[in-house]
């Protein structure tokens, strides 16, 4: 093999390798987001299954699983809780977002309950109802709450324990279904509302904080609720992102890069061949 031919092959190899690296980098961000420990709401066409926890559409949403532990940040603590982990899926249609909770509970009780918590605005808040702590000043939180015997959602705010109150406007809906020792609960709301000081605003493609709480409504031998109020299973802050519509610009740039690489190689090969024939 002549030196010119070897140089040509090396140039071709470098061009193809460079293009491959570009293509890998173009998809790196998407792959990282899919593998992160976060809830990702998939964009769907058509109506969301806001009233059907068992709808087949939920199977298209990636499932995230989060550990749950007893609430120990406030008085009336609890040392043991029934729910040890929570499975969460989410869907959105560009206007509304819906979350599906799924968790094991040995019995269906009237006081079984669950909730989602979000930060409101840009101020950081502790996941314990936005309670001011030494390391976190505290900020308002938005809580979506569902209880089995009520059969509906309650949209609330808090800025620390003892400050929880229902909003005058109620934007959240919820529906629960119990079967075979498992609760499935759907929460839904518009992505954005007219009350940014009270409601979390979901912007497509952006990560926001999210936390969860679950109450097992069983009673002890004396007839008292075992889990109530601050005595509950909770998570710390995790992340949530509503998927933005597909952006194909990365593929366009990759195709452009491939075209430029091939054009450069074509011109270079012609020049090398001319030099070799001379």
C-alpha atoms as a PDB file:
ATOM      1  CA  UNK A   1       0.000   0.000   0.000  1.00  0.00           C
ATOM      2  CA  UNK A   2       1.411   3.377  -1.015  1.00  0.00           C
ATOM      3  CA  UNK A   3       1.958   6.218   1.460  1.00  0.00           C
ATOM      4  CA  UNK A   4      -0.719   8.293  -0.288  1.00  0.00           C
ATOM      5  CA  UNK A   5      -3.260   5.475  -0.020  1.00  0.00           C
ATOM      6  CA  UNK A   6      -2.458   4.960   3.656  1.00  0.00           C
ATOM      7  CA  UNK A   7      -2.933   8.677   4.300  1.00  0.00           C
ATOM      8  CA  UNK A   8      -6.253   8.611   2.464  1.00  0.00           C
ATOM      9  CA  UNK A   9      -7.540   5.685   4.519  1.00  0.00           C
ATOM     10  CA  UNK A  10      -6.450   7.378   7.759  1.00  0.00           C
ATOM     11  CA  UNK A  11      -8.290  10.547   6.808  1.00  0.00           C
ATOM     12  CA  UNK A  12     -11.442   8.594   5.983  1.00  0.00           C
ATOM     13  CA  UNK A  13     -11.260   6.747   9.294  1.00  0.00           C
ATOM     14  CA  UNK A  14     -10.862   9.962  11.262  1.00  0.00           C
ATOM     15  CA  UNK A  15     -13.811  11.549   9.470  1.00  0.00           C
ATOM     16  CA  UNK A  16     -16.147   8.623  10.133  1.00  0.00           C
ATOM     17  CA  UNK A  17     -15.018   8.349  13.749  1.00  0.00           C
ATOM     18  CA  UNK A  18     -15.555  12.072  14.291  1.00  0.00           C
ATOM     19  CA  UNK A  19     -19.062  11.866  12.865  1.00  0.00           C
ATOM     20  CA  UNK A  20     -19.873   8.873  15.099  1.00  0.00           C
ATOM     21  CA  UNK A  21     -18.732  10.783  18.178  1.00  0.00           C
ATOM     22  CA  UNK A  22     -20.922  13.725  17.163  1.00  0.00           C
ATOM     23  CA  UNK A  23     -23.943  11.435  16.838  1.00  0.00           C
ATOM     24  CA  UNK A  24     -23.291   9.906  20.248  1.00  0.00           C
ATOM     25  CA  UNK A  25     -23.003  13.307  21.869  1.00  0.00           C
ATOM     26  CA  UNK A  26     -26.226  14.452  20.214  1.00  0.00           C
ATOM     27  CA  UNK A  27     -28.139  11.726  22.068  1.00  0.00           C
ATOM     28  CA  UNK A  28     -26.184  11.831  25.331  1.00  0.00           C
ATOM     29  CA  UNK A  29     -28.467  14.294  27.103  1.00  0.00           C
ATOM     30  CA  UNK A  30     -31.603  12.319  26.311  1.00  0.00           C
ATOM     31  CA  UNK A  31     -30.050   9.022  27.472  1.00  0.00           C
ATOM     32  CA  UNK A  32     -28.850  10.589  30.719  1.00  0.00           C
ATOM     33  CA  UNK A  33     -32.332  11.957  31.484  1.00  0.00           C
ATOM     34  CA  UNK A  34     -33.919   8.552  30.870  1.00  0.00           C
ATOM     35  CA  UNK A  35     -31.515   6.813  33.253  1.00  0.00           C
ATOM     36  CA  UNK A  36     -31.749   9.394  36.043  1.00  0.00           C
ATOM     37  CA  UNK A  37     -33.761   8.768  39.214  1.00  0.00           C
ATOM     38  CA  UNK A  38     -36.646  11.079  38.349  1.00  0.00           C
ATOM     39  CA  UNK A  39     -40.260  11.064  37.239  1.00  0.00           C
ATOM     40  CA  UNK A  40     -40.570  11.783  33.530  1.00  0.00           C
ATOM     41  CA  UNK A  41     -43.980  12.651  32.077  1.00  0.00           C
ATOM     42  CA  UNK A  42     -44.270  11.284  28.556  1.00  0.00           C
ATOM     43  CA  UNK A  43     -46.026  13.461  25.967  1.00  0.00           C
ATOM     44  CA  UNK A  44     -49.085  11.680  24.573  1.00  0.00           C
ATOM     45  CA  UNK A  45     -51.762  12.423  22.006  1.00  0.00           C
ATOM     46  CA  UNK A  46     -55.403  12.215  22.972  1.00  0.00           C
ATOM     47  CA  UNK A  47     -57.093  12.366  26.361  1.00  0.00           C
ATOM     48  CA  UNK A  48     -55.172  11.564  29.543  1.00  0.00           C
ATOM     49  CA  UNK A  49     -56.494   8.672  31.706  1.00  0.00           C
ATOM     50  CA  UNK A  50     -57.225  11.019  34.626  1.00  0.00           C
ATOM     51  CA  UNK A  51     -60.161   8.897  35.849  1.00  0.00           C
ATOM     52  CA  UNK A  52     -58.703   5.454  35.169  1.00  0.00           C
ATOM     53  CA  UNK A  53     -55.734   4.201  37.221  1.00  0.00           C
ATOM     54  CA  UNK A  54     -55.860   0.912  35.280  1.00  0.00           C
ATOM     55  CA  UNK A  55     -55.841   2.405  31.766  1.00  0.00           C
ATOM     56  CA  UNK A  56     -53.470   0.772  29.271  1.00  0.00           C
ATOM     57  CA  UNK A  57     -52.040   4.219  28.456  1.00  0.00           C
ATOM     58  CA  UNK A  58     -50.074   4.148  31.715  1.00  0.00           C
ATOM     59  CA  UNK A  59     -47.922   1.354  30.317  1.00  0.00           C
ATOM     60  CA  UNK A  60     -46.370   3.852  27.894  1.00  0.00           C
ATOM     61  CA  UNK A  61     -45.026   5.949  30.774  1.00  0.00           C
ATOM     62  CA  UNK A  62     -41.640   5.022  32.273  1.00  0.00           C
ATOM     63  CA  UNK A  63     -41.911   3.837  35.869  1.00  0.00           C
ATOM     64  CA  UNK A  64     -39.792   5.348  38.640  1.00  0.00           C
ATOM     65  CA  UNK A  65     -39.551   3.839  42.114  1.00  0.00           C
ATOM     66  CA  UNK A  66     -38.763   5.751  45.302  1.00  0.00           C
ATOM     67  CA  UNK A  67     -37.958   4.623  48.856  1.00  0.00           C
ATOM     68  CA  UNK A  68     -40.344   5.762  51.593  1.00  0.00           C
ATOM     69  CA  UNK A  69     -39.463   6.160  55.271  1.00  0.00           C
ATOM     70  CA  UNK A  70     -41.098   7.369  58.518  1.00  0.00           C
ATOM     71  CA  UNK A  71     -41.422  11.136  59.009  1.00  0.00           C
ATOM     72  CA  UNK A  72     -38.953  12.108  61.761  1.00  0.00           C
ATOM     73  CA  UNK A  73     -38.527  15.868  61.271  1.00  0.00           C
ATOM     74  CA  UNK A  74     -41.489  16.956  63.374  1.00  0.00           C
ATOM     75  CA  UNK A  75     -43.073  15.978  66.690  1.00  0.00           C
ATOM     76  CA  UNK A  76     -45.552  13.103  66.766  1.00  0.00           C
ATOM     77  CA  UNK A  77     -42.992  11.115  64.824  1.00  0.00           C
ATOM     78  CA  UNK A  78     -43.543   7.544  63.758  1.00  0.00           C
ATOM     79  CA  UNK A  79     -40.944   4.773  63.839  1.00  0.00           C
ATOM     80  CA  UNK A  80     -42.458   2.314  61.386  1.00  0.00           C
ATOM     81  CA  UNK A  81     -44.651   2.752  58.305  1.00  0.00           C
ATOM     82  CA  UNK A  82     -46.516   0.341  56.074  1.00  0.00           C
ATOM     83  CA  UNK A  83     -45.452   1.679  52.676  1.00  0.00           C
ATOM     84  CA  UNK A  84     -41.731   1.152  52.049  1.00  0.00           C
ATOM     85  CA  UNK A  85     -41.581   2.151  48.387  1.00  0.00           C
ATOM     86  CA  UNK A  86     -43.695   3.983  45.851  1.00  0.00           C
ATOM     87  CA  UNK A  87     -43.934   3.483  42.090  1.00  0.00           C
ATOM     88  CA  UNK A  88     -44.735   6.592  40.048  1.00  0.00           C
ATOM     89  CA  UNK A  89     -45.587   7.168  36.391  1.00  0.00           C
ATOM     90  CA  UNK A  90     -46.598  10.403  34.647  1.00  0.00           C
ATOM     91  CA  UNK A  91     -48.167  11.518  31.365  1.00  0.00           C
ATOM     92  CA  UNK A  92     -49.020  14.895  29.853  1.00  0.00           C
ATOM     93  CA  UNK A  93     -50.743  16.131  26.720  1.00  0.00           C
ATOM     94  CA  UNK A  94     -49.242  19.616  26.537  1.00  0.00           C
ATOM     95  CA  UNK A  95     -52.060  21.077  28.648  1.00  0.00           C
ATOM     96  CA  UNK A  96     -52.604  18.717  31.583  1.00  0.00           C
ATOM     97  CA  UNK A  97     -50.297  16.457  33.568  1.00  0.00           C
ATOM     98  CA  UNK A  98     -51.301  13.248  35.358  1.00  0.00           C
ATOM     99  CA  UNK A  99     -49.396  11.153  37.911  1.00  0.00           C
ATOM    100  CA  UNK A 100     -50.065   7.516  38.775  1.00  0.00           C
ATOM    101  CA  UNK A 101     -49.094   6.242  42.250  1.00  0.00           C
ATOM    102  CA  UNK A 102     -48.877   2.503  42.852  1.00  0.00           C
ATOM    103  CA  UNK A 103     -48.040   0.992  46.240  1.00  0.00           C
ATOM    104  CA  UNK A 104     -48.723  -2.063  48.378  1.00  0.00           C
ATOM    105  CA  UNK A 105     -51.159  -1.820  51.304  1.00  0.00           C
ATOM    106  CA  UNK A 106     -52.504  -4.983  52.986  1.00  0.00           C
ATOM    107  CA  UNK A 107     -55.960  -3.496  53.601  1.00  0.00           C
ATOM    108  CA  UNK A 108     -58.254  -0.860  52.113  1.00  0.00           C
ATOM    109  CA  UNK A 109     -59.205   1.688  54.783  1.00  0.00           C
ATOM    110  CA  UNK A 110     -61.308   4.881  54.641  1.00  0.00           C
ATOM    111  CA  UNK A 111     -58.355   6.955  55.881  1.00  0.00           C
ATOM    112  CA  UNK A 112     -55.821   5.636  53.367  1.00  0.00           C
ATOM    113  CA  UNK A 113     -54.270   8.713  51.784  1.00  0.00           C
ATOM    114  CA  UNK A 114     -51.448   9.967  49.553  1.00  0.00           C
ATOM    115  CA  UNK A 115     -49.942  13.262  48.503  1.00  0.00           C
ATOM    116  CA  UNK A 116     -47.526  14.996  46.107  1.00  0.00           C
ATOM    117  CA  UNK A 117     -45.453  18.008  47.120  1.00  0.00           C
ATOM    118  CA  UNK A 118     -43.784  20.683  44.965  1.00  0.00           C
ATOM    119  CA  UNK A 119     -41.794  23.803  45.674  1.00  0.00           C
ATOM    120  CA  UNK A 120     -43.489  27.074  44.701  1.00  0.00           C
ATOM    121  CA  UNK A 121     -41.398  29.726  42.971  1.00  0.00           C
ATOM    122  CA  UNK A 122     -37.599  29.920  43.072  1.00  0.00           C
ATOM    123  CA  UNK A 123     -37.102  29.747  46.839  1.00  0.00           C
ATOM    124  CA  UNK A 124     -35.738  26.439  48.141  1.00  0.00           C
ATOM    125  CA  UNK A 125     -37.915  24.637  50.671  1.00  0.00           C
ATOM    126  CA  UNK A 126     -37.425  21.622  52.918  1.00  0.00           C
ATOM    127  CA  UNK A 127     -39.425  18.564  51.857  1.00  0.00           C
ATOM    128  CA  UNK A 128     -41.025  18.499  55.330  1.00  0.00           C
ATOM    129  CA  UNK A 129     -43.861  20.922  54.457  1.00  0.00           C
ATOM    130  CA  UNK A 130     -41.318  23.678  53.725  1.00  0.00           C
ATOM    131  CA  UNK A 131     -40.357  23.713  57.416  1.00  0.00           C
ATOM    132  CA  UNK A 132     -37.561  26.251  58.132  1.00  0.00           C
ATOM    133  CA  UNK A 133     -34.397  24.349  59.064  1.00  0.00           C
ATOM    134  CA  UNK A 134     -30.848  25.330  59.962  1.00  0.00           C
ATOM    135  CA  UNK A 135     -29.659  24.412  56.468  1.00  0.00           C
ATOM    136  CA  UNK A 136     -32.787  25.568  54.578  1.00  0.00           C
ATOM    137  CA  UNK A 137     -34.548  28.858  55.280  1.00  0.00           C
ATOM    138  CA  UNK A 138     -37.843  27.494  54.088  1.00  0.00           C
ATOM    139  CA  UNK A 139     -40.246  28.447  51.330  1.00  0.00           C
ATOM    140  CA  UNK A 140     -43.834  27.750  50.301  1.00  0.00           C
ATOM    141  CA  UNK A 141     -44.823  24.315  49.046  1.00  0.00           C
ATOM    142  CA  UNK A 142     -47.812  23.156  47.029  1.00  0.00           C
ATOM    143  CA  UNK A 143     -49.383  19.865  48.178  1.00  0.00           C
ATOM    144  CA  UNK A 144     -51.842  17.727  46.229  1.00  0.00           C
ATOM    145  CA  UNK A 145     -53.674  15.498  48.728  1.00  0.00           C
ATOM    146  CA  UNK A 146     -56.047  12.559  48.267  1.00  0.00           C
ATOM    147  CA  UNK A 147     -57.944  10.553  50.902  1.00  0.00           C
ATOM    148  CA  UNK A 148     -59.918   7.408  50.140  1.00  0.00           C
ATOM    149  CA  UNK A 149     -63.096   8.294  52.069  1.00  0.00           C
ATOM    150  CA  UNK A 150     -63.262  11.750  50.453  1.00  0.00           C
ATOM    151  CA  UNK A 151     -62.853  10.404  46.941  1.00  0.00           C
ATOM    152  CA  UNK A 152     -61.316  13.616  45.657  1.00  0.00           C
ATOM    153  CA  UNK A 153     -58.196  15.785  45.757  1.00  0.00           C
ATOM    154  CA  UNK A 154     -57.405  18.772  47.919  1.00  0.00           C
ATOM    155  CA  UNK A 155     -55.040  21.481  46.652  1.00  0.00           C
ATOM    156  CA  UNK A 156     -53.099  22.955  49.594  1.00  0.00           C
ATOM    157  CA  UNK A 157     -50.157  25.127  50.630  1.00  0.00           C
ATOM    158  CA  UNK A 158     -47.773  25.156  53.582  1.00  0.00           C
ATOM    159  CA  UNK A 159     -44.690  26.954  54.797  1.00  0.00           C
ATOM    160  CA  UNK A 160     -43.701  24.791  57.742  1.00  0.00           C
ATOM    161  CA  UNK A 161     -45.528  22.313  59.976  1.00  0.00           C
ATOM    162  CA  UNK A 162     -48.759  23.672  61.410  1.00  0.00           C
ATOM    163  CA  UNK A 163     -49.344  26.048  58.481  1.00  0.00           C
ATOM    164  CA  UNK A 164     -51.093  23.650  56.090  1.00  0.00           C
ATOM    165  CA  UNK A 165     -54.259  25.104  54.572  1.00  0.00           C
ATOM    166  CA  UNK A 166     -56.519  24.453  51.609  1.00  0.00           C
ATOM    167  CA  UNK A 167     -56.533  26.883  48.719  1.00  0.00           C
ATOM    168  CA  UNK A 168     -59.658  28.868  47.895  1.00  0.00           C
ATOM    169  CA  UNK A 169     -59.376  27.638  44.310  1.00  0.00           C
ATOM    170  CA  UNK A 170     -59.121  23.890  43.735  1.00  0.00           C
ATOM    171  CA  UNK A 171     -57.283  22.910  40.548  1.00  0.00           C
ATOM    172  CA  UNK A 172     -56.301  19.308  41.301  1.00  0.00           C
ATOM    173  CA  UNK A 173     -58.300  16.124  40.684  1.00  0.00           C
ATOM    174  CA  UNK A 174     -57.628  12.633  42.036  1.00  0.00           C
ATOM    175  CA  UNK A 175     -59.020   9.138  41.636  1.00  0.00           C
ATOM    176  CA  UNK A 176     -58.061   5.996  43.580  1.00  0.00           C
ATOM    177  CA  UNK A 177     -58.629   2.295  42.934  1.00  0.00           C
ATOM    178  CA  UNK A 178     -57.796  -0.590  45.299  1.00  0.00           C
ATOM    179  CA  UNK A 179     -57.381  -4.225  44.244  1.00  0.00           C
ATOM    180  CA  UNK A 180     -55.345  -7.255  45.351  1.00  0.00           C
ATOM    181  CA  UNK A 181     -53.493  -5.430  48.116  1.00  0.00           C
ATOM    182  CA  UNK A 182     -52.415  -2.536  45.897  1.00  0.00           C
ATOM    183  CA  UNK A 183     -53.483   1.094  45.685  1.00  0.00           C
ATOM    184  CA  UNK A 184     -53.402   2.964  42.385  1.00  0.00           C
ATOM    185  CA  UNK A 185     -54.058   6.701  42.660  1.00  0.00           C
ATOM    186  CA  UNK A 186     -54.148   9.241  39.826  1.00  0.00           C
ATOM    187  CA  UNK A 187     -53.525  12.961  40.409  1.00  0.00           C
ATOM    188  CA  UNK A 188     -54.090  15.467  37.589  1.00  0.00           C
ATOM    189  CA  UNK A 189     -53.942  19.215  36.997  1.00  0.00           C
ATOM    190  CA  UNK A 190     -53.181  21.724  34.265  1.00  0.00           C
ATOM    191  CA  UNK A 191     -49.461  22.245  33.687  1.00  0.00           C
ATOM    192  CA  UNK A 192     -49.862  25.910  34.576  1.00  0.00           C
ATOM    193  CA  UNK A 193     -52.464  27.884  36.530  1.00  0.00           C
ATOM    194  CA  UNK A 194     -53.422  31.500  37.179  1.00  0.00           C
ATOM    195  CA  UNK A 195     -52.031  31.309  40.727  1.00  0.00           C
ATOM    196  CA  UNK A 196     -48.206  31.163  40.486  1.00  0.00           C
ATOM    197  CA  UNK A 197     -47.810  32.309  44.110  1.00  0.00           C
ATOM    198  CA  UNK A 198     -49.640  29.201  45.330  1.00  0.00           C
ATOM    199  CA  UNK A 199     -49.338  26.578  42.597  1.00  0.00           C
ATOM    200  CA  UNK A 200     -46.230  25.028  41.119  1.00  0.00           C
ATOM    201  CA  UNK A 201     -45.940  25.853  37.415  1.00  0.00           C
ATOM    202  CA  UNK A 202     -44.737  23.050  35.139  1.00  0.00           C
ATOM    203  CA  UNK A 203     -42.658  24.167  32.153  1.00  0.00           C
ATOM    204  CA  UNK A 204     -42.011  21.577  29.470  1.00  0.00           C
ATOM    205  CA  UNK A 205     -38.485  20.221  29.436  1.00  0.00           C
ATOM    206  CA  UNK A 206     -37.487  21.720  32.803  1.00  0.00           C
ATOM    207  CA  UNK A 207     -36.703  19.767  35.967  1.00  0.00           C
ATOM    208  CA  UNK A 208     -38.528  20.686  39.178  1.00  0.00           C
ATOM    209  CA  UNK A 209     -38.462  19.163  42.678  1.00  0.00           C
ATOM    210  CA  UNK A 210     -41.084  16.642  43.742  1.00  0.00           C
ATOM    211  CA  UNK A 211     -41.723  14.661  46.948  1.00  0.00           C
ATOM    212  CA  UNK A 212     -44.285  12.083  48.060  1.00  0.00           C
ATOM    213  CA  UNK A 213     -46.233  11.028  51.163  1.00  0.00           C
ATOM    214  CA  UNK A 214     -48.477   8.054  51.954  1.00  0.00           C
ATOM    215  CA  UNK A 215     -50.696   7.257  54.962  1.00  0.00           C
ATOM    216  CA  UNK A 216     -51.909   3.749  55.792  1.00  0.00           C
ATOM    217  CA  UNK A 217     -55.345   4.374  57.322  1.00  0.00           C
ATOM    218  CA  UNK A 218     -55.421   1.232  59.487  1.00  0.00           C
ATOM    219  CA  UNK A 219     -56.326   1.436  63.175  1.00  0.00           C
ATOM    220  CA  UNK A 220     -54.663  -0.126  66.205  1.00  0.00           C
ATOM    221  CA  UNK A 221     -56.334  -2.333  68.830  1.00  0.00           C
ATOM    222  CA  UNK A 222     -57.692   0.749  70.630  1.00  0.00           C
ATOM    223  CA  UNK A 223     -59.356   2.030  67.460  1.00  0.00           C
ATOM    224  CA  UNK A 224     -56.878   4.870  66.883  1.00  0.00           C
ATOM    225  CA  UNK A 225     -55.301   5.646  63.528  1.00  0.00           C
ATOM    226  CA  UNK A 226     -51.705   4.429  63.373  1.00  0.00           C
ATOM    227  CA  UNK A 227     -50.691   6.843  60.606  1.00  0.00           C
ATOM    228  CA  UNK A 228     -52.226  10.315  60.655  1.00  0.00           C
ATOM    229  CA  UNK A 229     -51.107  13.917  60.237  1.00  0.00           C
ATOM    230  CA  UNK A 230     -47.321  14.079  60.523  1.00  0.00           C
ATOM    231  CA  UNK A 231     -47.166  10.317  61.177  1.00  0.00           C
ATOM    232  CA  UNK A 232     -46.715   9.068  57.654  1.00  0.00           C
ATOM    233  CA  UNK A 233     -44.354   7.583  55.071  1.00  0.00           C
ATOM    234  CA  UNK A 234     -42.411  10.269  53.184  1.00  0.00           C
ATOM    235  CA  UNK A 235     -39.725  10.667  50.559  1.00  0.00           C
ATOM    236  CA  UNK A 236     -37.068  13.343  50.231  1.00  0.00           C
ATOM    237  CA  UNK A 237     -36.986  15.688  47.228  1.00  0.00           C
ATOM    238  CA  UNK A 238     -36.565  14.021  43.855  1.00  0.00           C
ATOM    239  CA  UNK A 239     -36.969  15.417  40.349  1.00  0.00           C
ATOM    240  CA  UNK A 240     -39.788  15.682  37.829  1.00  0.00           C
ATOM    241  CA  UNK A 241     -39.754  16.727  34.186  1.00  0.00           C
ATOM    242  CA  UNK A 242     -42.570  16.960  31.667  1.00  0.00           C
ATOM    243  CA  UNK A 243     -41.176  15.872  28.322  1.00  0.00           C
ATOM    244  CA  UNK A 244     -40.990  18.600  25.684  1.00  0.00           C
ATOM    245  CA  UNK A 245     -42.115  17.920  22.086  1.00  0.00           C
ATOM    246  CA  UNK A 246     -39.452  16.110  20.013  1.00  0.00           C
ATOM    247  CA  UNK A 247     -36.558  18.291  18.857  1.00  0.00           C
ATOM    248  CA  UNK A 248     -34.973  16.919  15.688  1.00  0.00           C
ATOM    249  CA  UNK A 249     -32.376  19.673  15.376  1.00  0.00           C
ATOM    250  CA  UNK A 250     -29.682  17.346  16.754  1.00  0.00           C
ATOM    251  CA  UNK A 251     -30.266  14.897  13.917  1.00  0.00           C
ATOM    252  CA  UNK A 252     -30.224  17.790  11.425  1.00  0.00           C
ATOM    253  CA  UNK A 253     -26.857  18.983  12.705  1.00  0.00           C
ATOM    254  CA  UNK A 254     -25.554  15.413  12.659  1.00  0.00           C
ATOM    255  CA  UNK A 255     -26.650  14.980   9.034  1.00  0.00           C
ATOM    256  CA  UNK A 256     -25.038  18.320   8.164  1.00  0.00           C
ATOM    257  CA  UNK A 257     -21.821  17.249   9.856  1.00  0.00           C
ATOM    258  CA  UNK A 258     -21.869  13.957   7.941  1.00  0.00           C
ATOM    259  CA  UNK A 259     -22.402  15.797   4.660  1.00  0.00           C
ATOM    260  CA  UNK A 260     -19.543  18.231   5.323  1.00  0.00           C
ATOM    261  CA  UNK A 261     -17.271  15.348   6.317  1.00  0.00           C
ATOM    262  CA  UNK A 262     -18.027  13.431   3.128  1.00  0.00           C
ATOM    263  CA  UNK A 263     -17.572  16.561   1.002  1.00  0.00           C
ATOM    264  CA  UNK A 264     -14.211  17.262   2.651  1.00  0.00           C
ATOM    265  CA  UNK A 265     -13.091  13.674   2.075  1.00  0.00           C
ATOM    266  CA  UNK A 266     -14.166  13.798  -1.587  1.00  0.00           C
ATOM    267  CA  UNK A 267     -12.176  16.979  -2.242  1.00  0.00           C
ATOM    268  CA  UNK A 268      -9.159  15.668  -0.315  1.00  0.00           C
ATOM    269  CA  UNK A 269      -9.136  12.356  -2.194  1.00  0.00           C
ATOM    270  CA  UNK A 270      -9.270  14.130  -5.554  1.00  0.00           C
ATOM    271  CA  UNK A 271      -6.310  16.301  -4.602  1.00  0.00           C
ATOM    272  CA  UNK A 272      -4.341  13.311  -3.377  1.00  0.00           C
ATOM    273  CA  UNK A 273      -5.048  11.394  -6.587  1.00  0.00           C
ATOM    274  CA  UNK A 274      -3.919  14.350  -8.702  1.00  0.00           C
ATOM    275  CA  UNK A 275      -0.729  14.609  -6.694  1.00  0.00           C
ATOM    276  CA  UNK A 276      -0.112  10.867  -7.058  1.00  0.00           C
ATOM    277  CA  UNK A 277      -0.601  10.888 -10.852  1.00  0.00           C
ATOM    278  CA  UNK A 278       1.777  13.878 -11.205  1.00  0.00           C
END
